Amino acid sequence: MHQQLHHLPITGDTPDIELVGRAAVGDAAAFEAIMRRHNRQLFRTARAILKSDEEAEDALQDAYLRAWDALAGFRADARLSTWLVRIVANEALGRLRRRNMLSGADVIPLDAAMTSPDHHIQDALTEDGEHGPERIAMRAELRRLLEARIDLLPDAFRTVFMLRGVEEMSVEEVAEVLQIPEATVRTRFFRARSLLREGLASAIDVTLADAFAFDGARCDRIVAGVLARRRAQHAP
């Protein structure tokens, strides 16, 4: 059966579960299709935690290799996207912990109770736009400002906001990925959205879809990197 599937063409309509089955037995084209289908969401997940494009790409590649090796244990009754997000989030959080340990910075657990941000973050988020640089109505500029303000959110709020608000995952999925109560997801999302609205008003709704743009070059680079490392790992 696996041999038969190996020869079937892969299209945009090929179900995730079929791609999983083929990739689990070594079909690189099937795993490439999985990566291209979920790349943007997973990159945004890693980017929300690490706040660095370069680190997010590295974390995503490591997470993909780990996921590929674990595909045989994927349960067909689960959503592949949720399963992948959890792997990527764990990889990114592990990198964040190691980075903070090396720098001696305080590490705030993702599920820590954070009812309000530091005062300087509050000031930055609520700064009156009239007193900043010249107001530019261009969509690209609004997107840059939104991304910068998302980066200023406390860690727990930022990750929930990216998964729930930008990637439009359900409350239940976010709770499952981050392993926190659904009520906590709702509270953090509401607080993060309120902070952003105070700084950007209605512009947030216009630019959400473009936040942390995921262009074709980045997608190609991540896919090529994972496939090259996989070939190197399994070279005779």
C-alpha atoms as a PDB file:
ATOM      1  CA  MET A   1       0.000   0.000   0.000  1.00  0.00           C
ATOM      2  CA  HIS A   2       2.801   2.415   0.894  1.00  0.00           C
ATOM      3  CA  GLN A   3       4.489   1.649  -2.423  1.00  0.00           C
ATOM      4  CA  GLN A   4       1.269   2.476  -4.273  1.00  0.00           C
ATOM      5  CA  LEU A   5       0.880   5.761  -2.425  1.00  0.00           C
ATOM      6  CA  HIS A   6       4.490   6.625  -3.235  1.00  0.00           C
ATOM      7  CA  HIS A   7       3.588   6.870  -6.917  1.00  0.00           C
ATOM      8  CA  LEU A   8       0.395   8.897  -6.573  1.00  0.00           C
ATOM      9  CA  PRO A   9       0.755  12.582  -7.512  1.00  0.00           C
ATOM     10  CA  ILE A  10       0.726  15.073  -4.646  1.00  0.00           C
ATOM     11  CA  THR A  11      -1.607  18.037  -5.050  1.00  0.00           C
ATOM     12  CA  GLY A  12      -2.909  20.847  -2.903  1.00  0.00           C
ATOM     13  CA  ASP A  13      -5.903  18.636  -2.110  1.00  0.00           C
ATOM     14  CA  THR A  14      -3.890  15.647  -0.884  1.00  0.00           C
ATOM     15  CA  PRO A  15      -5.087  15.054   2.712  1.00  0.00           C
ATOM     16  CA  ASP A  16      -2.652  15.626   5.557  1.00  0.00           C
ATOM     17  CA  ILE A  17      -3.086  12.055   6.767  1.00  0.00           C
ATOM     18  CA  GLU A  18      -2.015  10.686   3.373  1.00  0.00           C
ATOM     19  CA  LEU A  19       1.041  12.945   3.369  1.00  0.00           C
ATOM     20  CA  VAL A  20       1.896  11.759   6.881  1.00  0.00           C
ATOM     21  CA  GLY A  21       1.692   8.112   5.850  1.00  0.00           C
ATOM     22  CA  ARG A  22       3.938   8.649   2.851  1.00  0.00           C
ATOM     23  CA  ALA A  23       6.468  10.828   4.678  1.00  0.00           C
ATOM     24  CA  ALA A  24       6.665   8.328   7.554  1.00  0.00           C
ATOM     25  CA  VAL A  25       8.071   5.713   5.170  1.00  0.00           C
ATOM     26  CA  GLY A  26      10.599   8.079   3.597  1.00  0.00           C
ATOM     27  CA  ASP A  27       8.721   9.982   0.889  1.00  0.00           C
ATOM     28  CA  ALA A  28      10.580  13.318   0.886  1.00  0.00           C
ATOM     29  CA  ALA A  29       8.110  14.867  -1.554  1.00  0.00           C
ATOM     30  CA  ALA A  30       5.283  14.189   0.888  1.00  0.00           C
ATOM     31  CA  PHE A  31       7.134  15.841   3.755  1.00  0.00           C
ATOM     32  CA  GLU A  32       8.008  18.785   1.532  1.00  0.00           C
ATOM     33  CA  ALA A  33       4.282  19.185   0.875  1.00  0.00           C
ATOM     34  CA  ILE A  34       3.632  19.117   4.638  1.00  0.00           C
ATOM     35  CA  MET A  35       6.240  21.819   5.194  1.00  0.00           C
ATOM     36  CA  ARG A  36       4.941  24.085   2.455  1.00  0.00           C
ATOM     37  CA  ARG A  37       1.372  23.659   3.689  1.00  0.00           C
ATOM     38  CA  HIS A  38       2.166  24.575   7.313  1.00  0.00           C
ATOM     39  CA  ASN A  39       5.329  26.689   6.996  1.00  0.00           C
ATOM     40  CA  ARG A  40       3.825  30.109   7.591  1.00  0.00           C
ATOM     41  CA  GLN A  41       1.874  29.143  10.708  1.00  0.00           C
ATOM     42  CA  LEU A  42       4.833  27.294  12.203  1.00  0.00           C
ATOM     43  CA  PHE A  43       7.305  30.077  11.412  1.00  0.00           C
ATOM     44  CA  ARG A  44       5.006  32.587  13.066  1.00  0.00           C
ATOM     45  CA  THR A  45       4.758  30.339  16.113  1.00  0.00           C
ATOM     46  CA  ALA A  46       8.541  30.155  16.510  1.00  0.00           C
ATOM     47  CA  ARG A  47       8.898  33.876  15.708  1.00  0.00           C
ATOM     48  CA  ALA A  48       6.388  34.815  18.401  1.00  0.00           C
ATOM     49  CA  ILE A  49       8.441  33.020  21.036  1.00  0.00           C
ATOM     50  CA  LEU A  50      11.966  33.884  19.901  1.00  0.00           C
ATOM     51  CA  LYS A  51      11.419  37.395  18.466  1.00  0.00           C
ATOM     52  CA  SER A  52      14.104  36.736  15.839  1.00  0.00           C
ATOM     53  CA  ASP A  53      13.597  35.763  12.200  1.00  0.00           C
ATOM     54  CA  GLU A  54      16.926  33.907  12.027  1.00  0.00           C
ATOM     55  CA  GLU A  55      16.413  31.981  15.265  1.00  0.00           C
ATOM     56  CA  ALA A  56      12.846  31.164  14.271  1.00  0.00           C
ATOM     57  CA  GLU A  57      14.039  29.646  10.981  1.00  0.00           C
ATOM     58  CA  ASP A  58      16.671  27.546  12.768  1.00  0.00           C
ATOM     59  CA  ALA A  59      14.186  26.379  15.391  1.00  0.00           C
ATOM     60  CA  LEU A  60      11.638  25.497  12.723  1.00  0.00           C
ATOM     61  CA  GLN A  61      14.145  23.384  10.801  1.00  0.00           C
ATOM     62  CA  ASP A  62      15.126  21.478  13.954  1.00  0.00           C
ATOM     63  CA  ALA A  63      11.466  20.985  14.834  1.00  0.00           C
ATOM     64  CA  TYR A  64      10.673  19.677  11.341  1.00  0.00           C
ATOM     65  CA  LEU A  65      13.440  17.074  11.575  1.00  0.00           C
ATOM     66  CA  ARG A  66      12.141  15.984  14.974  1.00  0.00           C
ATOM     67  CA  ALA A  67       8.583  15.827  13.632  1.00  0.00           C
ATOM     68  CA  TRP A  68       9.652  13.772  10.606  1.00  0.00           C
ATOM     69  CA  ASP A  69      11.236  11.169  12.867  1.00  0.00           C
ATOM     70  CA  ALA A  70       8.104  11.066  15.033  1.00  0.00           C
ATOM     71  CA  LEU A  71       5.517  10.782  12.242  1.00  0.00           C
ATOM     72  CA  ALA A  72       4.980   7.090  12.884  1.00  0.00           C
ATOM     73  CA  GLY A  73       3.480   8.009  16.248  1.00  0.00           C
ATOM     74  CA  PHE A  74       1.080  10.631  14.862  1.00  0.00           C
ATOM     75  CA  ARG A  75      -2.534   9.816  15.728  1.00  0.00           C
ATOM     76  CA  ALA A  76      -4.957  10.026  12.839  1.00  0.00           C
ATOM     77  CA  ASP A  77      -7.650  11.527  15.071  1.00  0.00           C
ATOM     78  CA  ALA A  78      -5.502  14.616  15.798  1.00  0.00           C
ATOM     79  CA  ARG A  79      -5.042  17.712  13.651  1.00  0.00           C
ATOM     80  CA  LEU A  80      -1.603  17.692  12.030  1.00  0.00           C
ATOM     81  CA  SER A  81      -1.295  21.470  12.354  1.00  0.00           C
ATOM     82  CA  THR A  82      -1.856  21.363  16.124  1.00  0.00           C
ATOM     83  CA  TRP A  83       0.618  18.501  16.511  1.00  0.00           C
ATOM     84  CA  LEU A  84       3.262  20.402  14.543  1.00  0.00           C
ATOM     85  CA  VAL A  85       2.667  23.671  16.402  1.00  0.00           C
ATOM     86  CA  ARG A  86       3.278  21.921  19.712  1.00  0.00           C
ATOM     87  CA  ILE A  87       6.600  20.485  18.464  1.00  0.00           C
ATOM     88  CA  VAL A  88       7.707  23.874  17.136  1.00  0.00           C
ATOM     89  CA  ALA A  89       6.623  25.682  20.304  1.00  0.00           C
ATOM     90  CA  ASN A  90       8.544  23.223  22.482  1.00  0.00           C
ATOM     91  CA  GLU A  91      11.668  23.635  20.344  1.00  0.00           C
ATOM     92  CA  ALA A  92      11.438  27.445  20.455  1.00  0.00           C
ATOM     93  CA  LEU A  93      10.758  27.517  24.198  1.00  0.00           C
ATOM     94  CA  GLY A  94      13.735  25.235  24.800  1.00  0.00           C
ATOM     95  CA  ARG A  95      15.966  27.602  22.850  1.00  0.00           C
ATOM     96  CA  LEU A  96      14.592  30.575  24.770  1.00  0.00           C
ATOM     97  CA  ARG A  97      15.345  28.907  28.099  1.00  0.00           C
ATOM     98  CA  ARG A  98      18.901  28.059  27.023  1.00  0.00           C
ATOM     99  CA  ARG A  99      19.458  31.602  25.768  1.00  0.00           C
ATOM    100  CA  ASN A 100      18.243  33.111  29.019  1.00  0.00           C
ATOM    101  CA  MET A 101      20.359  30.731  31.090  1.00  0.00           C
ATOM    102  CA  LEU A 102      23.492  31.719  29.160  1.00  0.00           C
ATOM    103  CA  SER A 103      22.741  35.413  29.498  1.00  0.00           C
ATOM    104  CA  GLY A 104      21.732  35.172  33.148  1.00  0.00           C
ATOM    105  CA  ALA A 105      18.355  36.731  32.365  1.00  0.00           C
ATOM    106  CA  ASP A 106      15.331  35.939  34.482  1.00  0.00           C
ATOM    107  CA  VAL A 107      13.154  33.279  32.908  1.00  0.00           C
ATOM    108  CA  ILE A 108       9.415  33.814  33.230  1.00  0.00           C
ATOM    109  CA  PRO A 109       7.491  30.573  32.652  1.00  0.00           C
ATOM    110  CA  LEU A 110       5.060  30.686  29.769  1.00  0.00           C
ATOM    111  CA  ASP A 111       2.172  29.898  32.083  1.00  0.00           C
ATOM    112  CA  ALA A 112       3.142  32.433  34.770  1.00  0.00           C
ATOM    113  CA  ALA A 113       0.324  34.627  36.029  1.00  0.00           C
ATOM    114  CA  MET A 114       0.912  37.987  34.358  1.00  0.00           C
ATOM    115  CA  THR A 115      -1.866  40.451  35.020  1.00  0.00           C
ATOM    116  CA  SER A 116      -0.085  43.561  33.770  1.00  0.00           C
ATOM    117  CA  PRO A 117       3.072  44.441  31.811  1.00  0.00           C
ATOM    118  CA  ASP A 118       6.032  46.448  33.113  1.00  0.00           C
ATOM    119  CA  HIS A 119       5.384  50.177  33.209  1.00  0.00           C
ATOM    120  CA  HIS A 120       7.880  50.978  30.431  1.00  0.00           C
ATOM    121  CA  ILE A 121       6.207  48.429  28.153  1.00  0.00           C
ATOM    122  CA  GLN A 122       2.824  49.928  29.006  1.00  0.00           C
ATOM    123  CA  ASP A 123       4.141  53.385  28.075  1.00  0.00           C
ATOM    124  CA  ALA A 124       5.551  52.127  24.793  1.00  0.00           C
ATOM    125  CA  LEU A 125       2.322  50.423  23.829  1.00  0.00           C
ATOM    126  CA  THR A 126       0.108  53.387  24.677  1.00  0.00           C
ATOM    127  CA  GLU A 127       2.296  56.097  23.185  1.00  0.00           C
ATOM    128  CA  ASP A 128       0.303  58.597  21.159  1.00  0.00           C
ATOM    129  CA  GLY A 129       1.006  58.052  17.485  1.00  0.00           C
ATOM    130  CA  GLU A 130       0.885  61.799  16.850  1.00  0.00           C
ATOM    131  CA  HIS A 131       4.175  62.210  18.725  1.00  0.00           C
ATOM    132  CA  GLY A 132       6.061  59.506  16.820  1.00  0.00           C
ATOM    133  CA  PRO A 133       7.696  59.804  13.392  1.00  0.00           C
ATOM    134  CA  GLU A 134       5.584  61.258  10.601  1.00  0.00           C
ATOM    135  CA  ARG A 135       2.372  59.364  10.206  1.00  0.00           C
ATOM    136  CA  ILE A 136       2.547  57.156   7.138  1.00  0.00           C
ATOM    137  CA  ALA A 137      -0.640  55.626   5.878  1.00  0.00           C
ATOM    138  CA  MET A 138       1.176  52.921   3.929  1.00  0.00           C
ATOM    139  CA  ARG A 139       0.162  49.391   4.798  1.00  0.00           C
ATOM    140  CA  ALA A 140       3.775  48.254   5.029  1.00  0.00           C
ATOM    141  CA  GLU A 141       4.562  50.855   7.686  1.00  0.00           C
ATOM    142  CA  LEU A 142       1.518  49.940   9.725  1.00  0.00           C
ATOM    143  CA  ARG A 143       2.579  46.316   9.546  1.00  0.00           C
ATOM    144  CA  ARG A 144       6.073  47.184  10.819  1.00  0.00           C
ATOM    145  CA  LEU A 145       4.630  49.113  13.738  1.00  0.00           C
ATOM    146  CA  LEU A 146       2.261  46.292  14.595  1.00  0.00           C
ATOM    147  CA  GLU A 147       5.042  43.714  14.563  1.00  0.00           C
ATOM    148  CA  ALA A 148       7.208  45.892  16.797  1.00  0.00           C
ATOM    149  CA  ARG A 149       4.403  46.349  19.320  1.00  0.00           C
ATOM    150  CA  ILE A 150       3.599  42.639  19.308  1.00  0.00           C
ATOM    151  CA  ASP A 151       7.247  42.038  20.204  1.00  0.00           C
ATOM    152  CA  LEU A 152       6.792  44.324  23.226  1.00  0.00           C
ATOM    153  CA  LEU A 153       3.998  42.233  24.668  1.00  0.00           C
ATOM    154  CA  PRO A 154       4.897  40.073  27.694  1.00  0.00           C
ATOM    155  CA  ASP A 155       5.953  36.582  26.556  1.00  0.00           C
ATOM    156  CA  ALA A 156       2.810  34.761  27.673  1.00  0.00           C
ATOM    157  CA  PHE A 157       0.498  37.317  26.047  1.00  0.00           C
ATOM    158  CA  ARG A 158       2.502  37.504  22.807  1.00  0.00           C
ATOM    159  CA  THR A 159       2.478  33.752  22.149  1.00  0.00           C
ATOM    160  CA  VAL A 160      -1.245  33.424  22.825  1.00  0.00           C
ATOM    161  CA  PHE A 161      -1.984  36.448  20.635  1.00  0.00           C
ATOM    162  CA  MET A 162       0.031  35.113  17.686  1.00  0.00           C
ATOM    163  CA  LEU A 163      -1.604  31.692  17.810  1.00  0.00           C
ATOM    164  CA  ARG A 164      -5.145  32.888  18.524  1.00  0.00           C
ATOM    165  CA  GLY A 165      -5.278  36.289  16.804  1.00  0.00           C
ATOM    166  CA  VAL A 166      -2.897  36.028  13.857  1.00  0.00           C
ATOM    167  CA  GLU A 167      -3.039  32.305  13.083  1.00  0.00           C
ATOM    168  CA  GLU A 168      -6.715  32.076  14.118  1.00  0.00           C
ATOM    169  CA  MET A 169      -6.321  28.851  16.063  1.00  0.00           C
ATOM    170  CA  SER A 170      -9.257  28.015  18.295  1.00  0.00           C
ATOM    171  CA  VAL A 171      -9.157  28.562  22.062  1.00  0.00           C
ATOM    172  CA  GLU A 172      -9.136  24.794  22.525  1.00  0.00           C
ATOM    173  CA  GLU A 173      -6.184  24.316  20.160  1.00  0.00           C
ATOM    174  CA  VAL A 174      -4.117  27.069  21.800  1.00  0.00           C
ATOM    175  CA  ALA A 175      -4.829  25.615  25.220  1.00  0.00           C
ATOM    176  CA  GLU A 176      -3.738  22.183  24.003  1.00  0.00           C
ATOM    177  CA  VAL A 177      -0.539  23.460  22.390  1.00  0.00           C
ATOM    178  CA  LEU A 178       0.545  25.580  25.365  1.00  0.00           C
ATOM    179  CA  GLN A 179      -0.939  23.207  27.956  1.00  0.00           C
ATOM    180  CA  ILE A 180      -2.782  25.949  29.836  1.00  0.00           C
ATOM    181  CA  PRO A 181      -6.485  26.277  30.722  1.00  0.00           C
ATOM    182  CA  GLU A 182      -8.855  27.616  28.078  1.00  0.00           C
ATOM    183  CA  ALA A 183      -9.889  30.391  30.468  1.00  0.00           C
ATOM    184  CA  THR A 184      -6.252  31.511  30.630  1.00  0.00           C
ATOM    185  CA  VAL A 185      -6.070  31.597  26.828  1.00  0.00           C
ATOM    186  CA  ARG A 186      -9.139  33.849  26.687  1.00  0.00           C
ATOM    187  CA  THR A 187      -7.827  36.162  29.422  1.00  0.00           C
ATOM    188  CA  ARG A 188      -4.378  36.560  27.872  1.00  0.00           C
ATOM    189  CA  PHE A 189      -5.759  37.097  24.400  1.00  0.00           C
ATOM    190  CA  PHE A 190      -8.166  39.774  25.638  1.00  0.00           C
ATOM    191  CA  ARG A 191      -5.393  41.562  27.533  1.00  0.00           C
ATOM    192  CA  ALA A 192      -2.944  41.405  24.627  1.00  0.00           C
ATOM    193  CA  ARG A 193      -5.540  42.736  22.208  1.00  0.00           C
ATOM    194  CA  SER A 194      -6.425  45.574  24.588  1.00  0.00           C
ATOM    195  CA  LEU A 195      -2.764  46.596  24.897  1.00  0.00           C
ATOM    196  CA  LEU A 196      -2.282  46.614  21.153  1.00  0.00           C
ATOM    197  CA  ARG A 197      -5.490  48.537  20.537  1.00  0.00           C
ATOM    198  CA  GLU A 198      -4.384  51.218  22.978  1.00  0.00           C
ATOM    199  CA  GLY A 199      -1.301  51.790  20.842  1.00  0.00           C
ATOM    200  CA  LEU A 200      -2.591  51.236  17.327  1.00  0.00           C
ATOM    201  CA  ALA A 201      -6.368  51.716  17.569  1.00  0.00           C
ATOM    202  CA  SER A 202      -8.238  50.233  14.639  1.00  0.00           C
ATOM    203  CA  ALA A 203      -5.092  49.772  12.485  1.00  0.00           C
ATOM    204  CA  ILE A 204      -4.522  46.388  14.125  1.00  0.00           C
ATOM    205  CA  ASP A 205      -7.549  44.881  12.384  1.00  0.00           C
ATOM    206  CA  VAL A 206      -6.408  46.111   8.965  1.00  0.00           C
ATOM    207  CA  THR A 207      -2.868  44.727   9.137  1.00  0.00           C
ATOM    208  CA  LEU A 208      -3.149  41.437  11.044  1.00  0.00           C
ATOM    209  CA  ALA A 209      -3.098  39.308   7.911  1.00  0.00           C
ATOM    210  CA  ASP A 210       0.236  40.829   6.834  1.00  0.00           C
ATOM    211  CA  ALA A 211       2.013  40.651  10.198  1.00  0.00           C
ATOM    212  CA  PHE A 212       5.352  38.821  10.046  1.00  0.00           C
ATOM    213  CA  ALA A 213       5.159  38.338   6.300  1.00  0.00           C
ATOM    214  CA  PHE A 214       6.243  34.904   5.132  1.00  0.00           C
ATOM    215  CA  ASP A 215       7.620  35.301   1.634  1.00  0.00           C
ATOM    216  CA  GLY A 216       8.425  32.634  -0.931  1.00  0.00           C
ATOM    217  CA  ALA A 217      12.189  32.932  -0.459  1.00  0.00           C
ATOM    218  CA  ARG A 218      11.977  32.151   3.256  1.00  0.00           C
ATOM    219  CA  CYS A 219       9.652  29.207   2.622  1.00  0.00           C
ATOM    220  CA  ASP A 220      12.010  27.799  -0.011  1.00  0.00           C
ATOM    221  CA  ARG A 221      15.037  28.302   2.245  1.00  0.00           C
ATOM    222  CA  ILE A 222      13.457  26.427   5.172  1.00  0.00           C
ATOM    223  CA  VAL A 223      12.282  23.549   2.991  1.00  0.00           C
ATOM    224  CA  ALA A 224      15.658  23.217   1.260  1.00  0.00           C
ATOM    225  CA  GLY A 225      17.494  23.319   4.585  1.00  0.00           C
ATOM    226  CA  VAL A 226      15.378  20.573   6.143  1.00  0.00           C
ATOM    227  CA  LEU A 227      15.630  18.290   3.108  1.00  0.00           C
ATOM    228  CA  ALA A 228      19.420  18.759   2.890  1.00  0.00           C
ATOM    229  CA  ARG A 229      19.904  17.988   6.583  1.00  0.00           C
ATOM    230  CA  ARG A 230      17.636  14.957   6.318  1.00  0.00           C
ATOM    231  CA  ARG A 231      19.674  13.591   3.394  1.00  0.00           C
ATOM    232  CA  ALA A 232      22.897  14.163   5.339  1.00  0.00           C
ATOM    233  CA  GLN A 233      21.508  12.347   8.387  1.00  0.00           C
ATOM    234  CA  HIS A 234      20.569   9.307   6.334  1.00  0.00           C
ATOM    235  CA  ALA A 235      23.573   9.230   4.021  1.00  0.00           C
ATOM    236  CA  PRO A 236      25.355   5.844   3.948  1.00  0.00           C
END
